Protein backbone atom coordinates (compact mmCIF):
# COMPACT_ATOMS: atom_id res chain seq x y z
CA MET A 1 98.04 208.87 31.15
CA ALA A 2 100.13 210.90 34.18
CA SER A 3 97.73 212.51 36.64
CA ILE A 4 98.32 216.46 37.79
CA LYS A 5 99.61 216.93 41.41
CA GLU A 6 95.39 217.78 42.82
CA PHE A 7 95.93 221.98 44.74
CA SER A 8 92.89 222.33 46.48
CA GLY A 9 91.41 225.32 46.31
CA ARG A 10 90.62 228.43 43.88
CA ALA A 11 92.83 228.81 41.38
CA GLN A 12 94.54 232.90 42.51
CA THR A 13 94.24 234.95 39.29
CA GLY A 14 96.98 236.94 41.21
CA VAL A 15 95.00 240.19 40.33
CA TRP A 16 94.69 242.38 42.55
CA GLY A 17 90.89 242.80 43.36
CA LEU A 18 89.67 240.60 41.08
CA ASP A 19 89.71 237.38 43.50
CA ASN A 20 87.36 240.04 45.82
CA ILE A 21 84.95 240.05 42.58
CA LEU A 22 84.90 235.70 41.48
CA SER A 23 84.40 234.88 45.31
CA GLY A 24 87.78 233.95 46.12
CA GLY A 25 89.16 233.34 42.07
CA LEU A 26 88.83 230.11 39.78
CA SER A 27 87.24 227.63 40.58
CA ARG A 28 89.81 224.47 39.36
CA GLY A 29 89.83 221.97 35.92
CA HIS A 30 87.58 224.14 34.46
CA VAL A 31 87.26 226.42 31.30
CA PHE A 32 87.09 230.30 31.91
CA LEU A 33 86.58 232.78 28.89
CA VAL A 34 88.45 236.33 29.39
CA GLU A 35 88.08 238.11 26.33
CA GLY A 36 88.06 241.89 25.63
CA ALA A 37 88.73 244.64 22.99
CA PRO A 38 93.44 244.68 21.62
CA GLY A 39 94.63 246.93 24.92
CA THR A 40 92.18 246.45 27.10
CA GLY A 41 95.31 243.86 29.68
CA LYS A 42 93.95 241.31 28.27
CA THR A 43 97.80 239.42 27.92
CA THR A 44 98.81 241.10 31.04
CA VAL A 45 95.73 239.35 33.64
CA ALA A 46 96.98 235.77 31.86
CA LEU A 47 100.13 236.19 32.66
CA GLN A 48 99.80 237.74 35.90
CA PHE A 49 98.14 234.39 36.48
CA LEU A 50 100.29 232.03 35.10
CA ARG A 51 102.55 233.82 37.20
CA GLU A 52 99.94 233.14 40.52
CA GLY A 53 100.51 229.59 39.68
CA THR A 54 104.32 229.29 40.10
CA LYS A 55 104.06 230.67 42.98
CA ALA A 56 102.23 228.35 44.17
CA GLY A 57 104.52 225.50 42.32
CA GLU A 58 102.02 225.02 40.12
CA ARG A 59 103.43 224.00 36.43
CA CYS A 60 101.90 226.67 33.96
CA LEU A 61 101.66 226.79 30.11
CA TYR A 62 100.92 230.08 27.52
CA ILE A 63 99.56 229.22 24.10
CA THR A 64 100.35 231.65 21.75
CA LEU A 65 98.59 231.60 18.73
CA SER A 66 99.13 235.71 17.88
CA GLU A 67 102.30 237.14 19.37
CA THR A 68 105.70 234.96 18.85
CA GLU A 69 107.27 234.13 22.44
CA ARG A 70 110.25 237.34 22.37
CA GLU A 71 106.72 240.52 22.06
CA LEU A 72 105.64 238.24 24.28
CA ARG A 73 108.25 237.86 27.08
CA GLU A 74 108.76 241.85 25.30
CA GLY A 75 105.47 242.41 27.19
CA ALA A 76 106.59 240.72 31.01
CA ALA A 77 109.33 242.71 31.04
CA SER A 78 107.67 245.66 31.16
CA HIS A 79 106.25 245.11 34.01
CA GLY A 80 109.21 244.12 36.25
CA TRP A 81 108.61 240.04 34.92
CA THR A 82 110.72 237.69 33.24
CA LEU A 83 108.91 234.02 32.08
CA ASP A 84 111.59 231.76 33.14
CA GLU A 85 110.65 230.01 35.47
CA GLY A 86 107.60 227.47 35.63
CA ILE A 87 105.94 229.51 32.67
CA THR A 88 106.64 227.37 29.53
CA VAL A 89 106.26 229.66 26.01
CA PHE A 90 104.63 227.50 23.12
CA GLU A 91 104.80 229.31 20.46
CA LEU A 92 101.88 227.77 17.70
CA LEU A 93 103.67 228.78 14.17
CA PRO A 94 102.07 226.63 11.28
CA PRO A 95 103.86 223.83 9.92
CA GLU A 96 106.58 224.20 7.83
CA SER A 97 104.50 222.46 4.82
CA LEU A 98 101.32 225.26 4.82
CA LEU A 99 103.96 227.55 4.05
CA ASP A 100 105.89 225.89 1.01
CA SER A 101 103.70 226.75 -2.60
CA GLU A 102 104.03 223.65 -3.69
CA GLN A 103 101.38 222.08 -1.59
CA GLN A 104 99.05 224.88 -1.42
CA GLN A 105 97.12 222.95 -4.37
CA SER A 106 95.31 220.48 -3.19
CA LEU A 107 91.28 218.84 -3.18
CA LEU A 108 91.44 220.27 0.70
CA TYR A 109 91.41 223.39 1.66
CA SER A 110 94.46 224.29 4.07
CA SER A 111 91.85 225.54 6.76
CA ASP A 112 91.56 221.97 7.01
CA LEU A 113 94.69 221.42 7.34
CA GLU A 114 95.17 223.62 9.77
CA LEU A 115 93.16 223.31 11.66
CA GLY A 116 94.21 220.33 11.84
CA GLU A 117 97.41 220.91 12.40
CA THR A 118 96.74 223.58 15.29
CA THR A 119 94.71 221.49 17.71
CA LYS A 120 97.34 218.60 17.21
CA GLN A 121 100.68 220.59 18.54
CA ILE A 122 98.46 222.33 21.13
CA PHE A 123 97.37 217.74 22.17
CA GLU A 124 100.82 217.16 22.46
CA ALA A 125 101.67 220.70 24.07
CA VAL A 126 100.20 219.88 26.83
CA ASP A 127 100.74 216.44 26.83
CA ARG A 128 104.49 216.20 27.51
CA ILE A 129 104.05 219.76 29.79
CA LYS A 130 100.96 218.89 31.05
CA PRO A 131 100.32 221.66 33.54
CA HIS A 132 98.58 222.60 36.06
CA ARG A 133 96.89 225.92 34.55
CA VAL A 134 97.27 226.60 30.56
CA VAL A 135 96.66 229.89 28.49
CA LEU A 136 95.30 229.89 25.21
CA ASP A 137 96.66 232.87 24.23
CA SER A 138 93.83 233.34 21.19
CA LEU A 139 90.69 232.06 19.90
CA SER A 140 90.16 234.61 16.76
CA GLU A 141 93.15 232.53 15.40
CA ILE A 142 90.57 229.47 15.76
CA ARG A 143 87.61 231.69 15.01
CA LEU A 144 89.70 231.98 11.40
CA LEU A 145 90.53 228.79 10.90
CA ALA A 146 87.79 227.54 11.80
CA GLN A 147 85.65 229.32 9.03
CA SER A 148 82.10 228.45 10.55
CA SER A 149 80.48 228.09 13.99
CA LEU A 150 80.11 225.15 13.60
CA ARG A 151 83.03 223.74 13.18
CA TYR A 152 84.59 226.83 15.43
CA ARG A 153 82.29 225.43 18.72
CA ARG A 154 83.11 221.57 18.51
CA GLN A 155 86.48 222.40 17.82
CA ILE A 156 86.11 224.84 21.58
CA LEU A 157 84.09 221.19 22.48
CA ALA A 158 87.43 219.12 21.85
CA ILE A 159 89.61 221.60 23.34
CA LYS A 160 87.47 221.54 26.68
CA HIS A 161 86.49 217.43 27.14
CA PHE A 162 90.30 217.17 26.33
CA PHE A 163 91.66 219.56 29.08
CA SER A 164 88.93 218.36 31.24
CA ARG A 165 90.65 214.23 31.28
CA PHE A 166 94.07 216.54 33.14
CA ASN A 167 92.26 218.69 35.46
CA THR A 168 93.64 222.00 34.25
CA THR A 169 93.13 225.40 35.16
CA VAL A 170 92.56 226.75 30.65
CA MET A 171 92.13 230.12 30.50
CA LEU A 172 90.50 231.25 26.92
CA LEU A 173 91.50 234.62 25.53
CA ASP A 174 89.82 236.52 23.24
CA ASP A 175 89.63 239.15 21.14
CA LEU A 176 86.69 240.19 19.82
CA THR A 177 87.77 240.32 16.68
CA ALA A 178 85.24 238.45 14.93
CA ASP A 179 81.31 239.13 15.35
CA VAL A 180 80.98 240.32 19.05
CA ALA A 181 76.96 238.51 18.56
CA ASP A 182 78.92 235.32 18.63
CA LYS A 183 78.57 233.66 22.01
CA THR A 184 80.11 230.34 21.06
CA VAL A 185 82.67 230.08 23.53
CA HIS A 186 80.33 232.13 26.19
CA SER A 187 77.87 228.69 26.27
CA VAL A 188 81.08 226.09 26.63
CA ALA A 189 82.96 228.02 28.93
CA HIS A 190 82.72 228.18 32.78
CA ALA A 191 82.86 231.56 32.99
CA VAL A 192 83.37 234.81 31.18
CA LEU A 193 85.45 238.03 32.32
CA ARG A 194 84.68 241.18 29.72
CA LEU A 195 87.37 243.78 29.72
CA GLU A 196 86.78 247.50 28.99
CA GLU A 197 88.69 250.75 27.74
CA LEU A 198 86.43 253.34 27.68
CA ALA A 199 88.08 256.81 25.56
CA PRO A 200 86.13 260.00 27.65
CA ASP A 201 86.08 263.14 26.65
CA TYR A 202 89.23 265.19 27.78
CA GLY A 203 91.84 262.63 30.11
CA ALA A 204 93.25 259.55 30.84
CA GLU A 205 91.38 255.86 29.53
CA ARG A 206 88.92 254.17 31.87
CA ARG A 207 89.38 250.44 32.29
CA ARG A 208 86.65 248.60 33.32
CA VAL A 209 85.72 245.24 34.22
CA ARG A 210 82.60 243.06 33.77
CA VAL A 211 82.00 239.25 35.21
CA ILE A 212 79.46 238.31 32.70
CA LYS A 213 78.66 234.08 34.17
CA TYR A 214 79.93 232.62 36.31
CA ARG A 215 78.28 228.56 36.84
CA GLY A 216 77.87 228.10 40.42
CA THR A 217 79.14 230.75 41.97
CA LYS A 218 77.61 234.14 43.46
CA PHE A 219 80.44 237.08 42.04
CA ARG A 220 79.86 240.34 42.26
CA GLY A 221 77.95 242.45 39.25
CA GLY A 222 78.72 245.04 37.43
CA TYR A 223 81.19 246.94 36.26
CA HIS A 224 84.23 247.21 38.55
CA ASP A 225 86.81 250.25 38.06
CA ALA A 226 90.50 248.94 36.48
CA THR A 227 93.65 250.12 36.13
CA ILE A 228 96.96 248.95 33.99
CA THR A 229 100.21 249.65 36.04
CA THR A 230 104.08 249.40 35.97
CA GLY A 231 103.41 245.87 38.20
CA GLY A 232 99.71 244.64 36.06
CA LEU A 233 96.23 245.06 36.12
CA ASN A 234 94.85 246.18 39.50
CA VAL A 235 91.18 245.93 39.86
CA PHE A 236 88.61 247.94 42.69
CA PRO A 237 86.00 246.28 43.38
CA ARG A 238 82.11 248.20 43.38
CA LEU A 239 81.84 249.19 46.80
CA VAL A 240 78.45 248.03 48.27
CA ALA A 241 78.47 249.33 51.95
CA SER A 242 75.66 246.74 53.13
CA GLU A 243 78.76 244.08 53.16
CA HIS A 244 80.02 245.86 56.44
CA ARG A 245 78.43 246.39 58.99
CA ALA A 246 79.37 247.32 62.77
CA ASP A 247 77.47 248.08 66.22
CA LEU A 248 79.08 251.84 66.48
CA ARG A 249 78.20 253.99 69.20
CA ARG A 250 77.78 257.28 68.55
CA THR A 251 78.89 260.32 69.86
CA THR A 252 78.56 264.02 68.72
CA PHE A 253 81.89 265.90 68.85
CA SER A 254 82.73 270.34 69.46
CA SER A 255 83.94 271.88 66.16
CA GLY A 256 85.90 273.35 68.98
CA ILE A 257 84.12 276.89 67.77
CA ALA A 258 81.37 277.53 70.22
CA GLY A 259 78.93 279.39 68.06
CA PHE A 260 79.19 276.75 65.33
CA ASP A 261 78.55 274.60 67.81
CA GLN A 262 75.03 276.18 69.21
CA LEU A 263 74.66 276.91 65.48
CA LEU A 264 74.39 272.75 65.38
CA GLY A 265 73.12 271.44 68.68
CA GLY A 266 75.77 271.05 69.56
CA GLY A 267 78.67 269.40 67.02
CA VAL A 268 78.04 266.79 65.15
CA GLU A 269 77.69 262.69 64.94
CA THR A 270 80.03 260.97 64.86
CA GLY A 271 78.86 258.01 61.81
CA SER A 272 76.93 260.62 60.09
CA SER A 273 77.78 262.99 56.61
CA THR A 274 78.06 266.65 56.44
CA LEU A 275 77.47 269.55 53.18
CA VAL A 276 78.03 272.69 53.04
CA LEU A 277 76.69 273.80 50.41
CA GLY A 278 77.90 277.13 49.61
CA PRO A 279 78.89 279.78 46.54
CA SER A 280 82.78 280.08 45.61
CA GLY A 281 85.18 281.84 48.55
CA THR A 282 81.94 282.04 51.42
CA GLY A 283 84.62 279.12 52.95
CA LYS A 284 83.15 275.52 52.62
CA SER A 285 87.18 274.28 52.79
CA LEU A 286 87.76 276.44 56.38
CA ILE A 287 84.47 275.04 58.01
CA ALA A 288 85.79 270.99 56.95
CA ILE A 289 88.91 271.21 57.62
CA VAL A 290 87.97 273.03 60.96
CA PHE A 291 86.23 270.13 62.22
CA ALA A 292 89.47 268.17 60.83
CA VAL A 293 91.77 269.89 62.99
CA ALA A 294 89.16 268.86 66.21
CA ALA A 295 89.31 265.06 64.87
CA VAL A 296 92.70 265.96 65.48
CA ALA A 297 92.80 267.39 68.83
CA ARG A 298 91.37 264.55 70.03
CA GLY A 299 93.19 262.74 69.26
CA GLU A 300 92.32 260.97 66.11
CA LYS A 301 93.40 261.02 62.79
CA ALA A 302 91.96 262.78 59.53
CA ALA A 303 92.07 262.54 55.55
CA LEU A 304 91.24 265.18 53.50
CA PHE A 305 91.14 264.41 49.51
CA VAL A 306 91.26 267.62 47.42
CA PHE A 307 90.10 267.77 44.30
CA ASP A 308 90.32 271.79 42.86
CA GLU A 309 93.20 273.62 44.79
CA GLU A 310 97.38 272.91 44.44
CA LEU A 311 98.06 271.63 47.92
CA GLY A 312 100.43 274.60 48.44
CA LEU A 313 98.16 277.71 47.56
CA LEU A 314 95.93 275.45 50.83
CA PHE A 315 98.54 275.25 53.65
CA SER A 316 99.56 278.93 52.30
CA ARG A 317 96.20 280.07 52.68
CA MET A 318 95.14 278.00 56.00
CA LYS A 319 98.66 278.86 57.81
CA GLY A 320 96.53 282.26 57.13
CA MET A 321 94.63 281.23 59.70
CA GLY A 322 95.92 279.95 62.19
CA ILE A 323 95.39 276.30 61.31
CA ASP A 324 99.30 274.98 59.94
CA LEU A 325 98.24 271.65 58.10
CA ASP A 326 101.50 271.45 56.31
CA ALA A 327 102.36 270.20 60.38
CA LEU A 328 100.14 268.32 61.07
CA ARG A 329 100.60 266.69 57.98
CA ARG A 330 104.07 265.69 58.56
CA THR A 331 102.82 264.33 62.33
CA GLY A 332 100.62 261.79 60.45
CA SER A 333 97.43 263.84 62.11
CA ILE A 334 96.83 264.96 58.77
CA ALA A 335 97.18 262.65 56.17
CA ILE A 336 96.29 264.41 52.55
CA GLU A 337 96.04 263.01 48.81
CA GLN A 338 95.91 266.12 45.92
CA VAL A 339 92.58 264.30 43.72
CA ASP A 340 93.20 264.72 39.61
CA ALA A 341 90.37 263.93 38.67
CA ALA A 342 91.09 263.83 34.59
CA GLU A 343 93.59 260.23 36.14
CA LEU A 344 91.48 258.96 38.60
CA SER A 345 88.77 256.67 37.97
CA PRO A 346 85.68 257.11 40.93
CA GLY A 347 86.31 253.40 41.70
CA GLU A 348 89.95 253.87 42.44
CA PHE A 349 89.12 257.27 44.46
CA ALA A 350 86.22 254.67 46.58
CA HIS A 351 89.76 252.31 47.49
CA MET A 352 91.57 254.68 48.28
CA VAL A 353 89.11 256.42 51.01
CA ARG A 354 88.73 253.23 52.08
CA LYS A 355 92.39 252.14 52.28
CA ARG A 356 92.66 255.38 54.39
CA VAL A 357 89.60 254.50 56.64
CA ASP A 358 91.05 250.59 57.12
CA GLU A 359 94.49 251.19 57.72
CA GLU A 360 95.68 254.83 59.73
CA GLY A 361 91.82 255.05 61.86
CA ILE A 362 90.05 257.30 60.47
CA LYS A 363 87.73 259.13 62.02
CA ALA A 364 87.20 262.56 59.62
CA VAL A 365 86.88 262.51 56.32
CA VAL A 366 87.24 266.15 54.08
CA ILE A 367 85.89 265.16 50.27
CA ASP A 368 86.50 269.04 48.95
CA SER A 369 85.19 268.94 46.31
CA LEU A 370 82.32 267.15 44.75
CA ASN A 371 81.93 269.45 41.98
CA GLY A 372 85.33 267.82 40.96
CA TYR A 373 84.45 264.81 41.97
CA GLN A 374 81.74 264.95 39.35
CA ALA A 375 84.18 266.14 37.07
CA ALA A 376 85.42 262.21 37.78
CA MET A 377 82.27 261.10 36.38
CA PRO A 378 80.07 263.25 34.35
CA GLU A 379 77.43 260.92 34.83
CA GLU A 380 74.75 262.91 38.19
CA ASN A 381 73.05 259.68 39.00
CA SER A 382 75.82 256.74 39.00
CA LEU A 383 77.29 259.94 40.87
CA ILE A 384 74.64 260.01 43.12
CA LEU A 385 75.19 256.75 43.50
CA HIS A 386 78.97 256.20 44.22
CA MET A 387 77.87 259.11 46.76
CA HIS A 388 75.82 256.87 48.10
CA GLU A 389 77.46 253.91 49.05
CA LEU A 390 80.85 255.90 49.89
CA LEU A 391 79.01 257.54 52.63
CA GLN A 392 77.49 254.16 53.86
CA TYR A 393 80.04 252.56 53.68
CA LEU A 394 82.17 255.48 55.67
CA ASN A 395 79.50 255.99 58.45
CA ARG A 396 78.83 252.21 58.55
CA CYS A 397 82.55 252.79 59.64
CA GLY A 398 82.26 255.33 62.35
CA ALA A 399 83.67 257.97 60.42
CA ALA A 400 82.61 261.45 60.36
CA THR A 401 82.05 262.78 56.60
CA PHE A 402 82.28 266.10 55.40
CA MET A 403 81.84 266.93 52.12
CA THR A 404 81.94 270.57 50.03
CA VAL A 405 79.37 271.48 47.11
CA ALA A 406 80.15 275.23 44.99
CA GLN A 407 76.99 276.42 43.89
CA HIS A 408 76.28 278.43 40.52
CA GLY A 409 75.62 282.50 41.16
CA LEU A 410 77.50 284.89 44.08
CA VAL A 411 73.86 285.92 45.43
CA GLY A 412 69.70 285.35 44.70
CA ASP A 413 69.22 282.21 43.63
CA MET A 414 72.12 279.69 42.92
CA ARG A 415 72.10 275.28 41.56
CA ALA A 416 74.53 273.12 42.91
CA PRO A 417 76.40 271.58 39.32
CA VAL A 418 74.62 268.02 41.44
CA ASP A 419 71.63 267.78 43.49
CA VAL A 420 73.05 265.28 47.53
CA THR A 421 71.45 267.35 50.32
CA TYR A 422 69.24 264.06 50.56
CA LEU A 423 72.29 261.55 50.78
CA ALA A 424 74.32 263.70 53.14
CA ASP A 425 73.03 263.84 57.38
CA THR A 426 73.00 267.40 58.20
CA VAL A 427 73.27 270.51 55.51
CA ILE A 428 75.48 273.88 56.45
CA LEU A 429 74.16 276.52 53.60
CA LEU A 430 76.29 279.53 52.99
CA ARG A 431 75.89 282.92 51.59
CA TYR A 432 76.95 285.73 50.18
CA PHE A 433 74.74 288.62 52.02
CA GLU A 434 74.56 293.16 51.29
CA ALA A 435 74.33 294.78 54.27
CA LEU A 436 75.05 298.93 55.59
CA GLY A 437 77.65 298.99 52.36
CA SER A 438 79.58 295.98 52.38
CA VAL A 439 79.24 292.15 51.17
CA ARG A 440 79.01 289.83 54.34
CA ARG A 441 78.78 285.95 54.92
CA ALA A 442 75.97 284.39 56.67
CA ILE A 443 76.12 280.65 57.90
CA SER A 444 72.84 278.24 58.43
CA VAL A 445 71.65 274.54 59.37
CA ILE A 446 68.94 274.19 57.24
CA LYS A 447 69.10 270.00 57.68
CA LYS A 448 69.80 267.91 61.07
CA ARG A 449 68.82 264.05 61.31
CA MET A 450 70.23 263.83 64.51
CA GLY A 451 68.79 266.03 67.11
CA GLN A 452 68.20 269.37 67.37
CA HIS A 453 69.95 272.42 65.51
CA GLU A 454 69.29 275.99 65.73
CA SER A 455 66.80 277.26 62.65
CA THR A 456 68.76 280.98 62.94
CA ILE A 457 70.58 282.82 60.99
CA ARG A 458 74.23 283.83 61.77
CA GLU A 459 77.45 286.27 60.40
CA PHE A 460 80.58 284.90 60.27
CA ARG A 461 83.61 286.60 60.07
CA ILE A 462 87.06 285.32 57.79
CA GLY A 463 90.36 286.03 59.63
CA GLY A 464 93.85 285.62 60.21
CA ARG A 465 93.10 284.08 63.87
CA GLY A 466 89.87 281.76 61.62
CA LEU A 467 86.12 281.15 61.96
CA ALA A 468 84.56 283.50 64.26
CA ILE A 469 80.78 282.56 64.80
CA GLY A 470 78.31 285.84 65.65
CA GLU A 471 75.21 286.40 66.64
CA PRO A 472 71.58 284.91 64.88
CA LEU A 473 70.50 288.32 62.59
CA GLU A 474 67.05 288.42 63.84
CA GLU A 475 66.46 291.13 63.05
CA PHE A 476 67.19 291.01 59.00
CA GLN A 477 64.63 289.41 56.38
CA GLY A 478 65.64 287.58 53.18
CA VAL A 479 69.64 286.95 54.38
CA LEU A 480 69.51 284.29 52.22
CA ARG A 481 68.35 285.78 49.09
CA GLY A 482 71.76 287.57 49.04
CA VAL A 483 69.60 291.78 49.60
CA PRO A 484 68.39 291.89 52.91
CA VAL A 485 66.02 294.40 54.33
CA TYR A 486 67.55 295.59 57.84
CA MET A 487 64.45 295.56 60.04
CA GLY A 488 66.25 297.06 63.81
CA ASP A 489 68.45 299.61 64.48
CA PRO A 490 72.26 300.67 62.82
CA ARG A 491 75.42 298.76 63.93
CA PRO A 492 77.84 296.45 63.67
CA LEU A 493 76.21 293.28 63.01
CA LEU A 494 79.68 291.25 63.80
CA GLN A 495 82.50 292.79 65.95
CA GLU A 496 85.07 293.11 64.56
CA PRO A 497 88.33 292.09 66.44
CA GLY A 498 89.95 293.55 69.64
CA ALA A 499 87.01 295.85 69.33
């Protein structure tokens, strides 16, 4: 038996993000199991695995027992791939003798003949081609031929030991059409990778990947969001903020509005998170964008991720307040992304943010709003965990993060759909209140972890010149409840522009 050329290092899978989860790829010379229900992307992963092998000059073999070679090539073509160079497709068909009705009556069960013939053809193909990488698709056919768990296990062990003689890296595919409680291959395989597809009540399907076991290797556990696009499967590794540490010098920067800076005790710190909380229409988005524009004025770059508002409307609204977001985007000073919560998974969103921060050196990140982000992840506990890791990561990158949350109601007692106030370093509270026959807006800072801040409540106004902050409302009581009691002389609280 001729030996196979040795390749050093791990076998890269060719799947974006998957090698990160697997600590570099697949250990060479072992058998790996990729399992998942039909339609989860097993064949796509297998083709990416073999195509990556051909890039490294390896011989690759795809043994198909369930799909025809034509179907396999058509599936590859849908991703823009061809399987002509370096990949041999071996379509394993039933032997002609087993298709002859006159020969099917025998003292031997036909399954015994089929299983033996199938294994023989697999071994002959491998011995002839001597591949470095092999995909066997799928185990459900072998399981059906084996008929019993004992024979099935023996057959898998025989296949494993045969491939070990060639030092071949093998990927076995299983569509889980049999009893999911059968862990026969789990105990034999060197590693087990599971692909899953979830169908939410509304929106596109959600895909995720999980490494169940990997002998002798520390892998990134848990579920990782994934997508299938033209070009293959993409995996977004779960963000672990503790893996990203950097020594940063924190500085305080101004909002560009004197009254606002006084309220904040000088401004906000780099590497911190700020939550702007209030009912709809109070100006949460404007306040967050004010800080992004202030970052641009300092010569830094900012990123704005918009969940709720259509960008054209946002640009028009901000331009009426003296902020030309479209012009800032065209110059590259602010990166603006419209996020569709129904189509984007939380893991993909975290990757989108990370990519902007890492590649473009973003120092101010605006997420508007967490209500839209929650729509992408209905489970509140998971949302909080996702936000914790994302905020910690951004803080350690030295980026200032600004988030908005819309509370239910307009005045009186109000509640947010999710409480993330304990995650933020600074919390800015906005309120409507009634005074002197008109509805006004109030702003206060109720929390700031780093440094001092005013404990006062100030009125603010939104107009053609943007945001204007007034003096502290010292003669009012009950402003935050929405219906205050005025204790002073009747006079305008905040002078009109030009007065």
